[in-house]
Amino acid sequence: MQTHRLLCALLTLTCASLAAQQSTPAASATPKPPNIPDTFTNLKVLPTTVSKPELMTIMKQFSATFKVRCSYCHEVSDDLSEGSFASDTKPAKIEARKLMSLIHQSTSSLKP
């Protein structure tokens, strides 16, 4: 009987401890907002007049099609809160530009 009470007490304390840990938000739990600029620099394939919603749609299509995050091509953190979208340091970004140029060329040649 004594062992049963001890086990129940231990179980209660463990559950209470876990509940307290889960209800206390961690300092890093607050997500940082994405740092996506309103104007764009270093556009080499897309028109410089592209709107933010248009560009976001294009980039989301790339991300979904190739099953990669923005940070695969861009020098940004996974949560997009830090870094530079304009940077050309990642080879994947250069390859994506080549792909976009080829697609643009092939669709332009199809027009009557």
PDB file of N, CA and C in Angstrom:
ATOM      1  N   MET A   1       0.826  -1.203   0.000  1.00  0.00           N
ATOM      2  CA  MET A   1       0.000   0.000   0.000  1.00  0.00           C
ATOM      3  C   MET A   1       0.864   1.259   0.000  1.00  0.00           C
ATOM      4  N   GLN A   2       1.908   1.223   0.799  1.00  0.00           N
ATOM      5  CA  GLN A   2       2.826   2.370   0.899  1.00  0.00           C
ATOM      6  C   GLN A   2       3.493   2.622  -0.460  1.00  0.00           C
ATOM      7  N   THR A   3       3.881   1.560  -1.164  1.00  0.00           N
ATOM      8  CA  THR A   3       4.511   1.683  -2.477  1.00  0.00           C
ATOM      9  C   THR A   3       3.541   2.301  -3.476  1.00  0.00           C
ATOM     10  N   HIS A   4       2.295   1.907  -3.397  1.00  0.00           N
ATOM     11  CA  HIS A   4       1.271   2.443  -4.291  1.00  0.00           C
ATOM     12  C   HIS A   4       1.124   3.957  -4.092  1.00  0.00           C
ATOM     13  N   ARG A   5       1.083   4.418  -2.838  1.00  0.00           N
ATOM     14  CA  ARG A   5       0.969   5.853  -2.540  1.00  0.00           C
ATOM     15  C   ARG A   5       2.198   6.609  -3.051  1.00  0.00           C
ATOM     16  N   LEU A   6       3.359   6.008  -2.872  1.00  0.00           N
ATOM     17  CA  LEU A   6       4.604   6.649  -3.316  1.00  0.00           C
ATOM     18  C   LEU A   6       4.607   6.788  -4.832  1.00  0.00           C
ATOM     19  N   LEU A   7       4.197   5.745  -5.543  1.00  0.00           N
ATOM     20  CA  LEU A   7       4.115   5.802  -6.999  1.00  0.00           C
ATOM     21  C   LEU A   7       3.114   6.842  -7.471  1.00  0.00           C
ATOM     22  N   CYS A   8       1.968   6.920  -6.810  1.00  0.00           N
ATOM     23  CA  CYS A   8       0.954   7.922  -7.165  1.00  0.00           C
ATOM     24  C   CYS A   8       1.496   9.334  -6.944  1.00  0.00           C
ATOM     25  N   ALA A   9       2.193   9.541  -5.845  1.00  0.00           N
ATOM     26  CA  ALA A   9       2.760  10.859  -5.551  1.00  0.00           C
ATOM     27  C   ALA A   9       3.812  11.229  -6.587  1.00  0.00           C
ATOM     28  N   LEU A  10       4.660  10.273  -6.924  1.00  0.00           N
ATOM     29  CA  LEU A  10       5.691  10.513  -7.935  1.00  0.00           C
ATOM     30  C   LEU A  10       5.064  10.832  -9.293  1.00  0.00           C
ATOM     31  N   LEU A  11       4.058  10.085  -9.655  1.00  0.00           N
ATOM     32  CA  LEU A  11       3.364  10.312 -10.919  1.00  0.00           C
ATOM     33  C   LEU A  11       2.715  11.694 -10.943  1.00  0.00           C
ATOM     34  N   THR A  12       2.094  12.091  -9.858  1.00  0.00           N
ATOM     35  CA  THR A  12       1.455  13.405  -9.756  1.00  0.00           C
ATOM     36  C   THR A  12       2.492  14.519  -9.896  1.00  0.00           C
ATOM     37  N   LEU A  13       3.615  14.397  -9.201  1.00  0.00           N
ATOM     38  CA  LEU A  13       4.667  15.417  -9.287  1.00  0.00           C
ATOM     39  C   LEU A  13       5.256  15.496 -10.695  1.00  0.00           C
ATOM     40  N   THR A  14       5.451  14.357 -11.319  1.00  0.00           N
ATOM     41  CA  THR A  14       5.996  14.334 -12.671  1.00  0.00           C
ATOM     42  C   THR A  14       5.042  15.015 -13.649  1.00  0.00           C
ATOM     43  N   CYS A  15       3.760  14.682 -13.548  1.00  0.00           N
ATOM     44  CA  CYS A  15       2.760  15.302 -14.431  1.00  0.00           C
ATOM     45  C   CYS A  15       2.670  16.807 -14.205  1.00  0.00           C
ATOM     46  N   ALA A  16       2.701  17.217 -12.953  1.00  0.00           N
ATOM     47  CA  ALA A  16       2.642  18.645 -12.637  1.00  0.00           C
ATOM     48  C   ALA A  16       3.866  19.365 -13.190  1.00  0.00           C
ATOM     49  N   SER A  17       5.017  18.743 -13.081  1.00  0.00           N
ATOM     50  CA  SER A  17       6.248  19.332 -13.593  1.00  0.00           C
ATOM     51  C   SER A  17       6.189  19.471 -15.113  1.00  0.00           C
ATOM     52  N   LEU A  18       5.732  18.422 -15.790  1.00  0.00           N
ATOM     53  CA  LEU A  18       5.607  18.479 -17.250  1.00  0.00           C
ATOM     54  C   LEU A  18       4.597  19.530 -17.694  1.00  0.00           C
ATOM     55  N   ALA A  19       3.500  19.619 -17.002  1.00  0.00           N
ATOM     56  CA  ALA A  19       2.471  20.617 -17.339  1.00  0.00           C
ATOM     57  C   ALA A  19       3.021  22.018 -17.161  1.00  0.00           C
ATOM     58  N   ALA A  20       3.787  22.243 -16.124  1.00  0.00           N
ATOM     59  CA  ALA A  20       4.369  23.569 -15.890  1.00  0.00           C
ATOM     60  C   ALA A  20       5.360  23.922 -16.989  1.00  0.00           C
ATOM     61  N   GLN A  21       6.144  22.948 -17.423  1.00  0.00           N
ATOM     62  CA  GLN A  21       7.112  23.191 -18.488  1.00  0.00           C
ATOM     63  C   GLN A  21       6.410  23.514 -19.796  1.00  0.00           C
ATOM     64  N   GLN A  22       5.312  22.839 -20.080  1.00  0.00           N
ATOM     65  CA  GLN A  22       4.601  23.062 -21.326  1.00  0.00           C
ATOM     66  C   GLN A  22       3.858  24.381 -21.338  1.00  0.00           C
ATOM     67  N   SER A  23       3.404  24.840 -20.207  1.00  0.00           N
ATOM     68  CA  SER A  23       2.634  26.071 -20.185  1.00  0.00           C
ATOM     69  C   SER A  23       3.516  27.309 -20.140  1.00  0.00           C
ATOM     70  N   THR A  24       4.794  27.139 -19.806  1.00  0.00           N
ATOM     71  CA  THR A  24       5.714  28.268 -19.771  1.00  0.00           C
ATOM     72  C   THR A  24       6.315  28.445 -21.154  1.00  0.00           C
ATOM     73  N   PRO A  25       6.025  29.566 -21.827  1.00  0.00           N
ATOM     74  CA  PRO A  25       6.569  29.745 -23.167  1.00  0.00           C
ATOM     75  C   PRO A  25       8.075  29.967 -23.116  1.00  0.00           C
ATOM     76  N   ALA A  26       8.771  29.364 -24.052  1.00  0.00           N
ATOM     77  CA  ALA A  26      10.217  29.554 -24.135  1.00  0.00           C
ATOM     78  C   ALA A  26      10.514  30.932 -24.695  1.00  0.00           C
ATOM     79  N   ALA A  27      11.675  31.440 -24.369  1.00  0.00           N
ATOM     80  CA  ALA A  27      12.061  32.781 -24.829  1.00  0.00           C
ATOM     81  C   ALA A  27      12.119  32.833 -26.352  1.00  0.00           C
ATOM     82  N   SER A  28      12.534  31.752 -26.990  1.00  0.00           N
ATOM     83  CA  SER A  28      12.652  31.749 -28.445  1.00  0.00           C
ATOM     84  C   SER A  28      11.369  31.303 -29.136  1.00  0.00           C
ATOM     85  N   ALA A  29      10.309  31.048 -28.385  1.00  0.00           N
ATOM     86  CA  ALA A  29       9.055  30.573 -28.966  1.00  0.00           C
ATOM     87  C   ALA A  29       8.334  31.653 -29.766  1.00  0.00           C
ATOM     88  N   THR A  30       8.589  32.903 -29.484  1.00  0.00           N
ATOM     89  CA  THR A  30       7.958  33.983 -30.226  1.00  0.00           C
ATOM     90  C   THR A  30       8.598  34.073 -31.602  1.00  0.00           C
ATOM     91  N   PRO A  31       7.849  33.750 -32.645  1.00  0.00           N
ATOM     92  CA  PRO A  31       8.448  33.777 -33.979  1.00  0.00           C
ATOM     93  C   PRO A  31       8.736  35.212 -34.434  1.00  0.00           C
ATOM     94  N   LYS A  32       9.846  35.341 -35.111  1.00  0.00           N
ATOM     95  CA  LYS A  32      10.195  36.641 -35.685  1.00  0.00           C
ATOM     96  C   LYS A  32       9.433  36.786 -36.998  1.00  0.00           C
ATOM     97  N   PRO A  33       9.019  37.997 -37.324  1.00  0.00           N
ATOM     98  CA  PRO A  33       8.313  38.173 -38.599  1.00  0.00           C
ATOM     99  C   PRO A  33       9.286  38.044 -39.779  1.00  0.00           C
ATOM    100  N   PRO A  34       8.820  37.560 -40.915  1.00  0.00           N
ATOM    101  CA  PRO A  34       9.693  37.479 -42.086  1.00  0.00           C
ATOM    102  C   PRO A  34      10.200  38.853 -42.485  1.00  0.00           C
ATOM    103  N   ASN A  35      11.429  38.905 -42.944  1.00  0.00           N
ATOM    104  CA  ASN A  35      12.062  40.160 -43.346  1.00  0.00           C
ATOM    105  C   ASN A  35      12.082  40.238 -44.872  1.00  0.00           C
ATOM    106  N   ILE A  36      10.902  40.192 -45.467  1.00  0.00           N
ATOM    107  CA  ILE A  36      10.791  40.245 -46.917  1.00  0.00           C
ATOM    108  C   ILE A  36      10.621  41.706 -47.329  1.00  0.00           C
ATOM    109  N   PRO A  37      11.531  42.199 -48.170  1.00  0.00           N
ATOM    110  CA  PRO A  37      11.466  43.626 -48.533  1.00  0.00           C
ATOM    111  C   PRO A  37      10.240  43.956 -49.379  1.00  0.00           C
ATOM    112  N   ASP A  38       9.888  45.218 -49.397  1.00  0.00           N
ATOM    113  CA  ASP A  38       8.765  45.679 -50.224  1.00  0.00           C
ATOM    114  C   ASP A  38       9.225  46.036 -51.631  1.00  0.00           C
ATOM    115  N   THR A  39      10.496  46.389 -51.764  1.00  0.00           N
ATOM    116  CA  THR A  39      11.078  46.656 -53.082  1.00  0.00           C
ATOM    117  C   THR A  39      12.240  45.684 -53.274  1.00  0.00           C
ATOM    118  N   PHE A  40      12.543  45.369 -54.515  1.00  0.00           N
ATOM    119  CA  PHE A  40      13.514  44.327 -54.790  1.00  0.00           C
ATOM    120  C   PHE A  40      14.706  44.861 -55.553  1.00  0.00           C
ATOM    121  N   THR A  41      15.870  44.331 -55.213  1.00  0.00           N
ATOM    122  CA  THR A  41      17.108  44.681 -55.894  1.00  0.00           C
ATOM    123  C   THR A  41      17.708  43.405 -56.456  1.00  0.00           C
ATOM    124  N   ASN A  42      18.574  43.538 -57.420  1.00  0.00           N
ATOM    125  CA  ASN A  42      19.298  42.411 -58.001  1.00  0.00           C
ATOM    126  C   ASN A  42      18.389  41.459 -58.775  1.00  0.00           C
ATOM    127  N   LEU A  43      17.322  41.980 -59.360  1.00  0.00           N
ATOM    128  CA  LEU A  43      16.482  41.159 -60.233  1.00  0.00           C
ATOM    129  C   LEU A  43      17.134  41.139 -61.611  1.00  0.00           C
ATOM    130  N   LYS A  44      17.448  39.946 -62.109  1.00  0.00           N
ATOM    131  CA  LYS A  44      18.141  39.831 -63.388  1.00  0.00           C
ATOM    132  C   LYS A  44      17.314  39.139 -64.463  1.00  0.00           C
ATOM    133  N   VAL A  45      16.323  38.369 -64.065  1.00  0.00           N
ATOM    134  CA  VAL A  45      15.468  37.681 -65.038  1.00  0.00           C
ATOM    135  C   VAL A  45      14.054  38.245 -64.969  1.00  0.00           C
ATOM    136  N   LEU A  46      13.540  38.364 -63.780  1.00  0.00           N
ATOM    137  CA  LEU A  46      12.200  38.929 -63.604  1.00  0.00           C
ATOM    138  C   LEU A  46      12.238  40.443 -63.812  1.00  0.00           C
ATOM    139  N   PRO A  47      11.147  41.032 -64.270  1.00  0.00           N
ATOM    140  CA  PRO A  47      11.125  42.482 -64.478  1.00  0.00           C
ATOM    141  C   PRO A  47      11.274  43.241 -63.152  1.00  0.00           C
ATOM    142  N   THR A  48      11.947  44.345 -63.194  1.00  0.00           N
ATOM    143  CA  THR A  48      12.150  45.147 -61.981  1.00  0.00           C
ATOM    144  C   THR A  48      10.844  45.757 -61.490  1.00  0.00           C
ATOM    145  N   THR A  49       9.821  45.726 -62.325  1.00  0.00           N
ATOM    146  CA  THR A  49       8.520  46.276 -61.946  1.00  0.00           C
ATOM    147  C   THR A  49       7.603  45.234 -61.306  1.00  0.00           C
ATOM    148  N   VAL A  50       8.101  44.025 -61.086  1.00  0.00           N
ATOM    149  CA  VAL A  50       7.275  42.966 -60.503  1.00  0.00           C
ATOM    150  C   VAL A  50       6.799  43.401 -59.114  1.00  0.00           C
ATOM    151  N   SER A  51       5.535  43.138 -58.832  1.00  0.00           N
ATOM    152  CA  SER A  51       4.980  43.525 -57.526  1.00  0.00           C
ATOM    153  C   SER A  51       5.347  42.480 -56.479  1.00  0.00           C
ATOM    154  N   LYS A  52       5.254  42.862 -55.233  1.00  0.00           N
ATOM    155  CA  LYS A  52       5.558  41.926 -54.151  1.00  0.00           C
ATOM    156  C   LYS A  52       4.644  40.695 -54.195  1.00  0.00           C
ATOM    157  N   PRO A  53       3.317  40.861 -54.359  1.00  0.00           N
ATOM    158  CA  PRO A  53       2.462  39.672 -54.440  1.00  0.00           C
ATOM    159  C   PRO A  53       2.817  38.756 -55.624  1.00  0.00           C
ATOM    160  N   GLU A  54       3.153  39.356 -56.775  1.00  0.00           N
ATOM    161  CA  GLU A  54       3.535  38.554 -57.939  1.00  0.00           C
ATOM    162  C   GLU A  54       4.818  37.763 -57.660  1.00  0.00           C
ATOM    163  N   LEU A  55       5.804  38.441 -57.095  1.00  0.00           N
ATOM    164  CA  LEU A  55       7.074  37.790 -56.809  1.00  0.00           C
ATOM    165  C   LEU A  55       6.911  36.692 -55.755  1.00  0.00           C
ATOM    166  N   MET A  56       6.091  36.957 -54.752  1.00  0.00           N
ATOM    167  CA  MET A  56       5.853  35.952 -53.713  1.00  0.00           C
ATOM    168  C   MET A  56       5.188  34.711 -54.308  1.00  0.00           C
ATOM    169  N   THR A  57       4.268  34.912 -55.248  1.00  0.00           N
ATOM    170  CA  THR A  57       3.597  33.789 -55.909  1.00  0.00           C
ATOM    171  C   THR A  57       4.601  32.962 -56.714  1.00  0.00           C
ATOM    172  N   ILE A  58       5.472  33.631 -57.448  1.00  0.00           N
ATOM    173  CA  ILE A  58       6.491  32.939 -58.247  1.00  0.00           C
ATOM    174  C   ILE A  58       7.427  32.146 -57.342  1.00  0.00           C
ATOM    175  N   MET A  59       7.882  32.767 -56.277  1.00  0.00           N
ATOM    176  CA  MET A  59       8.821  32.106 -55.371  1.00  0.00           C
ATOM    177  C   MET A  59       8.166  30.929 -54.637  1.00  0.00           C
ATOM    178  N   LYS A  60       6.897  31.084 -54.273  1.00  0.00           N
ATOM    179  CA  LYS A  60       6.180  29.981 -53.630  1.00  0.00           C
ATOM    180  C   LYS A  60       6.021  28.811 -54.604  1.00  0.00           C
ATOM    181  N   GLN A  61       5.818  29.114 -55.881  1.00  0.00           N
ATOM    182  CA  GLN A  61       5.714  28.055 -56.888  1.00  0.00           C
ATOM    183  C   GLN A  61       7.035  27.306 -57.020  1.00  0.00           C
ATOM    184  N   PHE A  62       8.148  28.049 -57.016  1.00  0.00           N
ATOM    185  CA  PHE A  62       9.468  27.407 -57.050  1.00  0.00           C
ATOM    186  C   PHE A  62       9.639  26.498 -55.844  1.00  0.00           C
ATOM    187  N   SER A  63       9.325  27.014 -54.690  1.00  0.00           N
ATOM    188  CA  SER A  63       9.491  26.263 -53.451  1.00  0.00           C
ATOM    189  C   SER A  63       8.668  24.978 -53.469  1.00  0.00           C
ATOM    190  N   ALA A  64       7.429  25.071 -53.898  1.00  0.00           N
ATOM    191  CA  ALA A  64       6.550  23.899 -53.929  1.00  0.00           C
ATOM    192  C   ALA A  64       6.974  22.915 -55.021  1.00  0.00           C
ATOM    193  N   THR A  65       7.329  23.412 -56.178  1.00  0.00           N
ATOM    194  CA  THR A  65       7.706  22.549 -57.295  1.00  0.00           C
ATOM    195  C   THR A  65       8.960  21.743 -56.986  1.00  0.00           C
ATOM    196  N   PHE A  66       9.964  22.420 -56.418  1.00  0.00           N
ATOM    197  CA  PHE A  66      11.244  21.754 -56.165  1.00  0.00           C
ATOM    198  C   PHE A  66      11.371  21.224 -54.739  1.00  0.00           C
ATOM    199  N   LYS A  67      10.319  21.413 -53.958  1.00  0.00           N
ATOM    200  CA  LYS A  67      10.286  20.908 -52.573  1.00  0.00           C
ATOM    201  C   LYS A  67      11.488  21.380 -51.766  1.00  0.00           C
ATOM    202  N   VAL A  68      11.741  22.694 -51.842  1.00  0.00           N
ATOM    203  CA  VAL A  68      12.827  23.310 -51.080  1.00  0.00           C
ATOM    204  C   VAL A  68      12.303  24.546 -50.357  1.00  0.00           C
ATOM    205  N   ARG A  69      13.037  24.964 -49.348  1.00  0.00           N
ATOM    206  CA  ARG A  69      12.700  26.192 -48.628  1.00  0.00           C
ATOM    207  C   ARG A  69      13.414  27.357 -49.308  1.00  0.00           C
ATOM    208  N   CYS A  70      13.003  28.560 -49.002  1.00  0.00           N
ATOM    209  CA  CYS A  70      13.603  29.763 -49.590  1.00  0.00           C
ATOM    210  C   CYS A  70      15.116  29.800 -49.370  1.00  0.00           C
ATOM    211  N   SER A  71      15.543  29.294 -48.212  1.00  0.00           N
ATOM    212  CA  SER A  71      16.961  29.332 -47.857  1.00  0.00           C
ATOM    213  C   SER A  71      17.810  28.410 -48.729  1.00  0.00           C
ATOM    214  N   TYR A  72      17.191  27.592 -49.556  1.00  0.00           N
ATOM    215  CA  TYR A  72      17.945  26.743 -50.477  1.00  0.00           C
ATOM    216  C   TYR A  72      18.643  27.604 -51.536  1.00  0.00           C
ATOM    217  N   CYS A  73      17.963  28.624 -52.021  1.00  0.00           N
ATOM    218  CA  CYS A  73      18.528  29.520 -53.047  1.00  0.00           C
ATOM    219  C   CYS A  73      18.986  30.849 -52.471  1.00  0.00           C
ATOM    220  N   HIS A  74      18.309  31.307 -51.428  1.00  0.00           N
ATOM    221  CA  HIS A  74      18.592  32.628 -50.871  1.00  0.00           C
ATOM    222  C   HIS A  74      19.397  32.536 -49.587  1.00  0.00           C
ATOM    223  N   GLU A  75      20.198  33.546 -49.342  1.00  0.00           N
ATOM    224  CA  GLU A  75      21.042  33.620 -48.146  1.00  0.00           C
ATOM    225  C   GLU A  75      20.204  34.187 -46.999  1.00  0.00           C
ATOM    226  N   VAL A  76      19.228  33.388 -46.560  1.00  0.00           N
ATOM    227  CA  VAL A  76      18.306  33.794 -45.496  1.00  0.00           C
ATOM    228  C   VAL A  76      18.119  32.646 -44.505  1.00  0.00           C
ATOM    229  N   SER A  77      17.660  32.997 -43.310  1.00  0.00           N
ATOM    230  CA  SER A  77      17.341  31.967 -42.316  1.00  0.00           C
ATOM    231  C   SER A  77      16.058  31.251 -42.738  1.00  0.00           C
ATOM    232  N   ASP A  78      15.841  30.056 -42.201  1.00  0.00           N
ATOM    233  CA  ASP A  78      14.651  29.284 -42.580  1.00  0.00           C
ATOM    234  C   ASP A  78      13.349  30.006 -42.257  1.00  0.00           C
ATOM    235  N   ASP A  79      13.356  30.835 -41.206  1.00  0.00           N
ATOM    236  CA  ASP A  79      12.129  31.571 -40.869  1.00  0.00           C
ATOM    237  C   ASP A  79      12.039  32.907 -41.612  1.00  0.00           C
ATOM    238  N   LEU A  80      13.002  33.188 -42.472  1.00  0.00           N
ATOM    239  CA  LEU A  80      13.057  34.386 -43.323  1.00  0.00           C
ATOM    240  C   LEU A  80      13.212  35.688 -42.540  1.00  0.00           C
ATOM    241  N   SER A  81      13.556  35.610 -41.273  1.00  0.00           N
ATOM    242  CA  SER A  81      13.665  36.812 -40.451  1.00  0.00           C
ATOM    243  C   SER A  81      15.022  37.488 -40.587  1.00  0.00           C
ATOM    244  N   GLU A  82      16.015  36.776 -41.108  1.00  0.00           N
ATOM    245  CA  GLU A  82      17.362  37.331 -41.237  1.00  0.00           C
ATOM    246  C   GLU A  82      17.954  36.939 -42.573  1.00  0.00           C
ATOM    247  N   GLY A  83      18.845  37.790 -43.081  1.00  0.00           N
ATOM    248  CA  GLY A  83      19.567  37.455 -44.291  1.00  0.00           C
ATOM    249  C   GLY A  83      19.287  38.415 -45.420  1.00  0.00           C
ATOM    250  N   SER A  84      19.746  38.022 -46.604  1.00  0.00           N
ATOM    251  CA  SER A  84      19.626  38.865 -47.783  1.00  0.00           C
ATOM    252  C   SER A  84      19.083  38.069 -48.962  1.00  0.00           C
ATOM    253  N   PHE A  85      17.938  38.477 -49.445  1.00  0.00           N
ATOM    254  CA  PHE A  85      17.374  37.839 -50.633  1.00  0.00           C
ATOM    255  C   PHE A  85      18.149  38.247 -51.882  1.00  0.00           C
ATOM    256  N   ALA A  86      18.803  39.397 -51.863  1.00  0.00           N
ATOM    257  CA  ALA A  86      19.523  39.899 -53.026  1.00  0.00           C
ATOM    258  C   ALA A  86      20.867  39.218 -53.230  1.00  0.00           C
ATOM    259  N   SER A  87      21.405  38.592 -52.212  1.00  0.00           N
ATOM    260  CA  SER A  87      22.719  37.962 -52.296  1.00  0.00           C
ATOM    261  C   SER A  87      22.761  36.877 -53.370  1.00  0.00           C
ATOM    262  N   ASP A  88      23.895  36.807 -54.069  1.00  0.00           N
ATOM    263  CA  ASP A  88      24.098  35.787 -55.100  1.00  0.00           C
ATOM    264  C   ASP A  88      25.113  34.735 -54.666  1.00  0.00           C
ATOM    265  N   THR A  89      25.267  34.515 -53.378  1.00  0.00           N
ATOM    266  CA  THR A  89      26.301  33.596 -52.895  1.00  0.00           C
ATOM    267  C   THR A  89      25.948  32.123 -53.076  1.00  0.00           C
ATOM    268  N   LYS A  90      24.694  31.783 -53.217  1.00  0.00           N
ATOM    269  CA  LYS A  90      24.322  30.375 -53.329  1.00  0.00           C
ATOM    270  C   LYS A  90      24.206  29.959 -54.802  1.00  0.00           C
ATOM    271  N   PRO A  91      24.914  28.896 -55.187  1.00  0.00           N
ATOM    272  CA  PRO A  91      24.857  28.425 -56.579  1.00  0.00           C
ATOM    273  C   PRO A  91      23.442  28.069 -57.039  1.00  0.00           C
ATOM    274  N   ALA A  92      22.604  27.609 -56.136  1.00  0.00           N
ATOM    275  CA  ALA A  92      21.238  27.242 -56.519  1.00  0.00           C
ATOM    276  C   ALA A  92      20.472  28.438 -57.080  1.00  0.00           C
ATOM    277  N   LYS A  93      20.760  29.625 -56.576  1.00  0.00           N
ATOM    278  CA  LYS A  93      20.075  30.831 -57.074  1.00  0.00           C
ATOM    279  C   LYS A  93      20.487  31.107 -58.519  1.00  0.00           C
ATOM    280  N   ILE A  94      21.759  30.938 -58.815  1.00  0.00           N
ATOM    281  CA  ILE A  94      22.252  31.152 -60.178  1.00  0.00           C
ATOM    282  C   ILE A  94      21.607  30.127 -61.124  1.00  0.00           C
ATOM    283  N   GLU A  95      21.522  28.874 -60.671  1.00  0.00           N
ATOM    284  CA  GLU A  95      20.896  27.828 -61.486  1.00  0.00           C
ATOM    285  C   GLU A  95      19.406  28.106 -61.692  1.00  0.00           C
ATOM    286  N   ALA A  96      18.744  28.608 -60.670  1.00  0.00           N
ATOM    287  CA  ALA A  96      17.316  28.935 -60.799  1.00  0.00           C
ATOM    288  C   ALA A  96      17.118  30.050 -61.818  1.00  0.00           C
ATOM    289  N   ARG A  97      18.023  31.020 -61.819  1.00  0.00           N
ATOM    290  CA  ARG A  97      17.940  32.100 -62.826  1.00  0.00           C
ATOM    291  C   ARG A  97      18.099  31.535 -64.233  1.00  0.00           C
ATOM    292  N   LYS A  98      19.041  30.609 -64.388  1.00  0.00           N
ATOM    293  CA  LYS A  98      19.239  30.000 -65.710  1.00  0.00           C
ATOM    294  C   LYS A  98      17.964  29.283 -66.152  1.00  0.00           C
ATOM    295  N   LEU A  99      17.368  28.551 -65.253  1.00  0.00           N
ATOM    296  CA  LEU A  99      16.131  27.839 -65.556  1.00  0.00           C
ATOM    297  C   LEU A  99      15.026  28.814 -65.940  1.00  0.00           C
ATOM    298  N   MET A 100      14.885  29.883 -65.179  1.00  0.00           N
ATOM    299  CA  MET A 100      13.855  30.880 -65.491  1.00  0.00           C
ATOM    300  C   MET A 100      14.109  31.517 -66.854  1.00  0.00           C
ATOM    301  N   SER A 101      15.364  31.785 -67.188  1.00  0.00           N
ATOM    302  CA  SER A 101      15.702  32.369 -68.491  1.00  0.00           C
ATOM    303  C   SER A 101      15.336  31.417 -69.621  1.00  0.00           C
ATOM    304  N   LEU A 102      15.659  30.134 -69.443  1.00  0.00           N
ATOM    305  CA  LEU A 102      15.326  29.143 -70.477  1.00  0.00           C
ATOM    306  C   LEU A 102      13.822  29.031 -70.675  1.00  0.00           C
ATOM    307  N   ILE A 103      13.090  29.013 -69.578  1.00  0.00           N
ATOM    308  CA  ILE A 103      11.625  28.935 -69.668  1.00  0.00           C
ATOM    309  C   ILE A 103      11.090  30.174 -70.375  1.00  0.00           C
ATOM    310  N   HIS A 104      11.603  31.343 -70.022  1.00  0.00           N
ATOM    311  CA  HIS A 104      11.144  32.585 -70.637  1.00  0.00           C
ATOM    312  C   HIS A 104      11.446  32.578 -72.136  1.00  0.00           C
ATOM    313  N   GLN A 105      12.638  32.131 -72.503  1.00  0.00           N
ATOM    314  CA  GLN A 105      13.014  32.061 -73.921  1.00  0.00           C
ATOM    315  C   GLN A 105      12.122  31.099 -74.695  1.00  0.00           C
ATOM    316  N   SER A 106      11.854  29.938 -74.097  1.00  0.00           N
ATOM    317  CA  SER A 106      11.048  28.944 -74.817  1.00  0.00           C
ATOM    318  C   SER A 106       9.605  29.381 -74.941  1.00  0.00           C
ATOM    319  N   THR A 107       9.057  30.041 -73.931  1.00  0.00           N
ATOM    320  CA  THR A 107       7.670  30.504 -74.049  1.00  0.00           C
ATOM    321  C   THR A 107       7.576  31.707 -74.959  1.00  0.00           C
ATOM    322  N   SER A 108       8.613  32.514 -75.035  1.00  0.00           N
ATOM    323  CA  SER A 108       8.612  33.676 -75.931  1.00  0.00           C
ATOM    324  C   SER A 108       8.663  33.214 -77.386  1.00  0.00           C
ATOM    325  N   SER A 109       9.400  32.137 -77.668  1.00  0.00           N
ATOM    326  CA  SER A 109       9.503  31.659 -79.039  1.00  0.00           C
ATOM    327  C   SER A 109       8.228  30.978 -79.514  1.00  0.00           C
ATOM    328  N   LEU A 110       7.358  30.599 -78.602  1.00  0.00           N
ATOM    329  CA  LEU A 110       6.093  29.958 -78.973  1.00  0.00           C
ATOM    330  C   LEU A 110       5.012  30.950 -79.378  1.00  0.00           C
ATOM    331  N   LYS A 111       5.217  32.207 -79.027  1.00  0.00           N
ATOM    332  CA  LYS A 111       4.186  33.210 -79.346  1.00  0.00           C
ATOM    333  C   LYS A 111       4.187  33.490 -80.845  1.00  0.00           C
ATOM    334  N   PRO A 112       2.974  33.646 -81.427  1.00  0.00           N
ATOM    335  CA  PRO A 112       2.876  33.890 -82.885  1.00  0.00           C
ATOM    336  C   PRO A 112       3.345  35.260 -83.273  1.00  0.00           C
TER     337      PRO A 112
END
